[in-house]
Protein backbone atom coordinates (compact mmCIF):
# COMPACT_ATOMS: atom_id res chain seq x y z
CA MET A 1 -9.27 1.27 11.47
CA GLY A 2 -6.46 2.25 13.82
CA ILE A 3 -3.87 4.72 15.06
CA GLU A 4 -0.19 4.34 14.10
CA LYS A 5 3.05 6.28 14.37
CA ASN A 6 5.37 6.42 11.36
CA LYS A 7 9.18 6.71 11.27
CA ILE A 8 9.13 10.52 11.20
CA GLY A 9 6.91 10.85 14.26
CA ASP A 10 3.56 11.53 12.65
CA ILE A 11 0.62 10.15 14.63
CA LEU A 12 -1.70 8.77 11.95
CA ALA A 13 -5.32 7.75 11.80
CA VAL A 14 -5.70 4.80 9.44
CA VAL A 15 -9.10 5.24 7.79
CA THR A 16 -11.21 3.93 4.96
CA PRO A 17 -14.27 5.56 3.41
CA LYS A 18 -17.56 4.57 5.01
CA GLU A 19 -18.92 1.18 3.92
CA GLN A 20 -15.55 0.04 2.53
CA SER A 21 -13.12 -2.24 4.30
CA TYR A 22 -10.07 -2.26 2.08
CA GLU A 23 -10.81 -0.66 -1.30
CA GLN A 24 -9.18 2.58 -0.18
CA ILE A 25 -7.05 2.94 2.93
CA MET A 26 -5.77 6.42 3.80
CA LEU A 27 -3.59 7.99 6.47
CA TYR A 28 -4.50 11.26 8.19
CA SER A 29 -1.96 13.05 10.36
CA LEU A 30 -3.25 13.75 13.86
CA LYS A 31 -0.12 15.63 14.89
CA ASP A 32 0.31 18.60 12.56
CA ASN A 33 -2.17 18.23 9.68
CA ARG A 34 0.72 17.46 7.31
CA TYR A 35 -1.73 15.64 5.03
CA LYS A 36 -4.57 18.14 5.34
CA ALA A 37 -5.44 18.40 1.63
CA LEU A 38 -7.24 15.30 0.39
CA ASN A 39 -4.79 14.70 -2.45
CA ASN A 40 -1.86 14.71 0.03
CA HIS A 41 -3.04 11.75 2.08
CA PRO A 42 -0.88 8.66 1.71
CA ARG A 43 -3.32 6.08 0.37
CA LEU A 44 -3.69 2.64 -1.07
CA TYR A 45 -6.27 1.55 -3.65
CA ALA A 46 -7.17 -2.11 -3.99
CA ARG A 47 -10.03 -4.24 -5.27
CA GLN A 48 -11.29 -7.78 -5.23
CA VAL A 49 -10.50 -9.93 -8.27
CA GLY A 50 -11.95 -13.41 -8.26
CA ASN A 51 -13.10 -15.01 -5.03
CA ASP A 52 -9.82 -15.15 -3.17
CA THR A 53 -7.63 -12.27 -4.39
CA ILE A 54 -7.18 -8.60 -3.64
CA LYS A 55 -5.31 -6.63 -6.29
CA ILE A 56 -3.41 -3.49 -5.37
CA ASP A 57 -4.14 -0.87 -7.99
CA ASP A 58 -1.99 1.93 -6.57
CA ILE A 59 -0.14 3.15 -3.50
CA PHE A 60 0.39 6.88 -3.31
CA SER A 61 2.70 8.86 -1.07
CA GLN A 62 4.18 12.27 -1.78
CA GLU A 63 7.86 12.09 -2.61
CA ASN A 64 8.89 14.32 0.30
CA ILE A 65 7.50 11.81 2.84
CA ARG A 66 8.56 8.55 1.21
CA SER A 67 10.65 6.24 3.39
CA SER A 68 8.62 7.40 6.40
CA GLY A 69 6.90 4.03 6.88
CA ASN A 70 3.52 5.12 5.50
CA GLY A 71 3.49 2.48 2.74
CA THR A 72 4.30 -0.26 5.24
CA ILE A 73 1.45 0.91 7.47
CA LEU A 74 -0.96 0.88 4.52
CA LEU A 75 0.13 -2.61 3.44
CA SER A 76 -0.11 -3.99 6.97
CA TYR A 77 -3.74 -2.86 7.21
CA LEU A 78 -4.52 -4.27 3.77
CA LYS A 79 -3.04 -7.62 4.81
CA LYS A 80 -5.11 -7.63 8.03
CA GLU A 81 -8.28 -6.87 6.08
CA ALA A 82 -7.49 -9.53 3.47
CA ILE A 83 -7.04 -12.20 6.13
CA LYS A 84 -10.12 -11.01 8.05
CA HIS A 85 -12.27 -11.37 4.92
CA GLY A 86 -10.88 -14.77 3.90
CA TYR A 87 -8.74 -13.79 0.92
CA THR A 88 -5.78 -16.03 0.18
CA GLN A 89 -3.57 -13.63 -1.75
CA ILE A 90 -2.75 -10.04 -2.63
CA THR A 91 -1.38 -9.23 -6.08
CA GLY A 92 -0.36 -6.20 -8.08
CA TRP A 93 1.78 -4.92 -10.94
CA LEU A 94 4.87 -2.79 -11.20
CA SER A 95 4.25 -0.52 -14.16
CA SER A 96 6.83 0.60 -16.71
CA VAL A 97 5.96 4.14 -15.55
CA ASP A 98 7.84 3.34 -12.31
CA LYS A 99 10.78 1.64 -14.02
CA THR A 100 13.30 4.11 -12.59
CA ASN A 101 12.14 3.13 -9.09
CA PHE A 102 12.05 -0.66 -9.53
CA GLU A 103 14.96 -1.23 -7.15
CA LYS A 104 13.27 0.73 -4.35
CA LEU A 105 9.90 -0.86 -5.08
CA GLU A 106 11.41 -4.35 -5.06
CA TYR A 107 13.01 -3.66 -1.67
CA PHE A 108 9.76 -2.19 -0.29
CA TYR A 109 7.56 -5.10 -1.34
CA LYS A 110 10.04 -7.79 -0.30
CA LYS A 111 10.44 -6.09 3.09
CA ASN A 112 6.66 -6.39 3.46
CA GLY A 113 6.59 -10.11 2.63
CA PHE A 114 5.74 -9.98 -1.07
CA ASN A 115 7.37 -11.90 -3.89
CA VAL A 116 8.51 -9.72 -6.79
CA LEU A 117 8.89 -11.00 -10.36
CA PHE A 118 10.10 -8.86 -13.24
CA SER A 119 9.36 -9.47 -16.92
CA LYS A 120 12.21 -10.76 -19.08
CA ASP A 121 12.60 -7.34 -20.69
CA GLY A 122 12.60 -5.64 -17.26
CA ASN A 123 9.84 -3.19 -18.23
CA ASN A 124 7.26 -4.31 -15.68
CA GLY A 125 6.78 -6.68 -12.82
CA LYS A 126 4.33 -8.55 -10.65
CA ILE A 127 4.01 -8.63 -6.89
CA TYR A 128 2.15 -11.24 -4.88
CA LEU A 129 1.70 -12.42 -1.34
CA LYS A 130 -0.03 -15.69 -0.49
CA PHE A 131 -1.45 -16.41 2.96
């Protein structure tokens, strides 16, 4: 899909499994094999819901490399693919499992153009981006 450089200097191949365009987007380090093991690759999982929406199911990045720009790279490729394939929005949920990180997640998604809405009880939230 492309080659990018993150904030910590990793040169990354942005890839998706064969025959998929956006369902899974992963980053592979071309510089030092930092993400050599499959389960270490920063990755994004998404799927089509309805005719015009892509739903983010999960974004994964190891804690020791968070804030390196990998999530922003993954989202930028998802947005490009969504527009390319005619989708009009990307949605997702903030789970209560991540409640202790809601402030960071809110900042991350807003920085990437998403709207963030939290439930009245503050236990979960919704993200969405309309094109």
